[in-house]
Amino acid sequence: LLRYPDHHYFTTNNLEEIRHTYENWDTGSKVIVTTEKDAARLAIHRETLSEWGIPIVVLPIAVQLLNGETQFDQQVLSYITKEKEEMNFD
């Protein structure tokens, strides 16, 4: 398992580390799994990773509102209305 800090930009050394780890996994079926955020930063290295035959799967980022979208929308609208009134905007 490789971990990198949040907002990390991948260096050539990082790519070599990923390659070395991938090539040394003792399993028949292997793939790199990453988040959408990291996939965006890995995109500039897509050609290199492809040449190395390293498949990458991207986990999509999903947002789920616990109280539902309608309640969220109402809370945002209420906040904006209140702020607008307090600032005397028309």
C-alpha atoms as a PDB file:
ATOM      1  CA  LEU A   1       0.000   0.000   0.000  1.00  0.00           C
ATOM      2  CA  LEU A   2       1.441   3.339  -1.040  1.00  0.00           C
ATOM      3  CA  ARG A   3       0.248   6.548   0.574  1.00  0.00           C
ATOM      4  CA  TYR A   4       0.972  10.105  -0.439  1.00  0.00           C
ATOM      5  CA  PRO A   5      -0.031  13.362   1.272  1.00  0.00           C
ATOM      6  CA  ASP A   6      -3.156  15.205   0.215  1.00  0.00           C
ATOM      7  CA  HIS A   7      -2.587  17.516  -2.791  1.00  0.00           C
ATOM      8  CA  HIS A   8       0.594  15.611  -3.642  1.00  0.00           C
ATOM      9  CA  TYR A   9       2.130  16.102  -7.076  1.00  0.00           C
ATOM     10  CA  PHE A  10       3.743  12.905  -8.289  1.00  0.00           C
ATOM     11  CA  THR A  11       7.438  13.014  -9.091  1.00  0.00           C
ATOM     12  CA  THR A  12       9.517  10.707 -11.252  1.00  0.00           C
ATOM     13  CA  ASN A  13      10.674   8.998  -8.044  1.00  0.00           C
ATOM     14  CA  ASN A  14       7.049   8.443  -7.021  1.00  0.00           C
ATOM     15  CA  LEU A  15       6.307   6.871 -10.394  1.00  0.00           C
ATOM     16  CA  GLU A  16       9.295   4.570 -10.033  1.00  0.00           C
ATOM     17  CA  GLU A  17       8.051   3.622  -6.558  1.00  0.00           C
ATOM     18  CA  ILE A  18       4.603   2.850  -7.973  1.00  0.00           C
ATOM     19  CA  ARG A  19       6.178   0.810 -10.788  1.00  0.00           C
ATOM     20  CA  HIS A  20       8.440  -1.123  -8.411  1.00  0.00           C
ATOM     21  CA  THR A  21       5.550  -1.871  -6.038  1.00  0.00           C
ATOM     22  CA  TYR A  22       3.282  -2.930  -8.895  1.00  0.00           C
ATOM     23  CA  GLU A  23       5.882  -5.206 -10.475  1.00  0.00           C
ATOM     24  CA  ASN A  24       6.671  -6.873  -7.136  1.00  0.00           C
ATOM     25  CA  TRP A  25       3.118  -7.716  -6.087  1.00  0.00           C
ATOM     26  CA  ASP A  26       2.857 -11.464  -5.877  1.00  0.00           C
ATOM     27  CA  THR A  27      -0.548 -11.881  -7.479  1.00  0.00           C
ATOM     28  CA  GLY A  28      -1.845 -12.695 -10.927  1.00  0.00           C
ATOM     29  CA  SER A  29      -4.416  -9.944 -11.217  1.00  0.00           C
ATOM     30  CA  LYS A  30      -3.361  -6.488 -10.112  1.00  0.00           C
ATOM     31  CA  VAL A  31      -4.440  -2.901 -10.590  1.00  0.00           C
ATOM     32  CA  ILE A  32      -3.709   0.501  -9.043  1.00  0.00           C
ATOM     33  CA  VAL A  33      -6.723   2.117  -7.371  1.00  0.00           C
ATOM     34  CA  THR A  34      -6.752   5.859  -6.789  1.00  0.00           C
ATOM     35  CA  THR A  35      -9.169   8.684  -6.055  1.00  0.00           C
ATOM     36  CA  GLU A  36     -10.384  11.149  -8.678  1.00  0.00           C
ATOM     37  CA  LYS A  37      -8.235  13.863  -7.104  1.00  0.00           C
ATOM     38  CA  ASP A  38      -5.047  11.831  -7.385  1.00  0.00           C
ATOM     39  CA  ALA A  39      -6.018  10.549 -10.819  1.00  0.00           C
ATOM     40  CA  ALA A  40      -6.104  14.150 -12.026  1.00  0.00           C
ATOM     41  CA  ARG A  41      -2.527  14.625 -10.823  1.00  0.00           C
ATOM     42  CA  LEU A  42      -1.465  11.285 -12.297  1.00  0.00           C
ATOM     43  CA  ALA A  43      -2.981  12.217 -15.666  1.00  0.00           C
ATOM     44  CA  ILE A  44       0.182  14.011 -16.767  1.00  0.00           C
ATOM     45  CA  HIS A  45       1.986  10.683 -16.325  1.00  0.00           C
ATOM     46  CA  ARG A  46      -0.681   8.625 -18.127  1.00  0.00           C
ATOM     47  CA  GLU A  47       1.561   7.827 -21.096  1.00  0.00           C
ATOM     48  CA  THR A  48       4.390   6.567 -18.886  1.00  0.00           C
ATOM     49  CA  LEU A  49       2.074   4.435 -16.760  1.00  0.00           C
ATOM     50  CA  SER A  50       0.470   3.036 -19.908  1.00  0.00           C
ATOM     51  CA  GLU A  51       3.867   2.176 -21.407  1.00  0.00           C
ATOM     52  CA  TRP A  52       4.678   0.306 -18.204  1.00  0.00           C
ATOM     53  CA  GLY A  53       1.382  -1.614 -18.492  1.00  0.00           C
ATOM     54  CA  ILE A  54       0.085  -0.376 -15.160  1.00  0.00           C
ATOM     55  CA  PRO A  55      -3.725  -0.255 -15.150  1.00  0.00           C
ATOM     56  CA  ILE A  56      -5.290   2.425 -12.980  1.00  0.00           C
ATOM     57  CA  VAL A  57      -8.852   2.352 -11.669  1.00  0.00           C
ATOM     58  CA  VAL A  58     -10.373   5.584 -10.390  1.00  0.00           C
ATOM     59  CA  LEU A  59     -12.744   5.677  -7.422  1.00  0.00           C
ATOM     60  CA  PRO A  60     -15.302   8.408  -8.066  1.00  0.00           C
ATOM     61  CA  ILE A  61     -15.923  11.001  -5.399  1.00  0.00           C
ATOM     62  CA  ALA A  62     -19.574  10.998  -4.385  1.00  0.00           C
ATOM     63  CA  VAL A  63     -21.483  13.305  -2.088  1.00  0.00           C
ATOM     64  CA  GLN A  64     -24.503  12.088  -0.233  1.00  0.00           C
ATOM     65  CA  LEU A  65     -26.486  14.496   1.911  1.00  0.00           C
ATOM     66  CA  LEU A  66     -27.753  12.863   5.086  1.00  0.00           C
ATOM     67  CA  ASN A  67     -30.909  14.973   5.266  1.00  0.00           C
ATOM     68  CA  GLY A  68     -31.577  15.003   1.539  1.00  0.00           C
ATOM     69  CA  GLU A  69     -31.085  17.596  -1.154  1.00  0.00           C
ATOM     70  CA  THR A  70     -34.359  19.432  -0.528  1.00  0.00           C
ATOM     71  CA  GLN A  71     -33.496  20.221   3.091  1.00  0.00           C
ATOM     72  CA  PHE A  72     -29.971  21.248   2.076  1.00  0.00           C
ATOM     73  CA  ASP A  73     -31.309  23.575  -0.633  1.00  0.00           C
ATOM     74  CA  GLN A  74     -33.740  25.107   1.859  1.00  0.00           C
ATOM     75  CA  GLN A  75     -30.974  25.694   4.405  1.00  0.00           C
ATOM     76  CA  VAL A  76     -28.744  27.378   1.815  1.00  0.00           C
ATOM     77  CA  LEU A  77     -31.610  29.556   0.559  1.00  0.00           C
ATOM     78  CA  SER A  78     -32.534  30.517   4.126  1.00  0.00           C
ATOM     79  CA  TYR A  79     -28.931  31.456   4.907  1.00  0.00           C
ATOM     80  CA  ILE A  80     -28.589  33.545   1.754  1.00  0.00           C
ATOM     81  CA  THR A  81     -31.902  35.291   2.407  1.00  0.00           C
ATOM     82  CA  LYS A  82     -30.881  36.093   5.999  1.00  0.00           C
ATOM     83  CA  GLU A  83     -27.461  37.399   4.932  1.00  0.00           C
ATOM     84  CA  LYS A  84     -29.026  39.464   2.182  1.00  0.00           C
ATOM     85  CA  GLU A  85     -31.469  41.053   4.630  1.00  0.00           C
ATOM     86  CA  GLU A  86     -28.739  41.795   7.181  1.00  0.00           C
ATOM     87  CA  MET A  87     -26.605  43.461   4.522  1.00  0.00           C
ATOM     88  CA  ASN A  88     -29.590  45.437   3.204  1.00  0.00           C
ATOM     89  CA  PHE A  89     -29.285  44.139  -0.340  1.00  0.00           C
ATOM     90  CA  ASP A  90     -32.365  44.333  -2.522  1.00  0.00           C
END
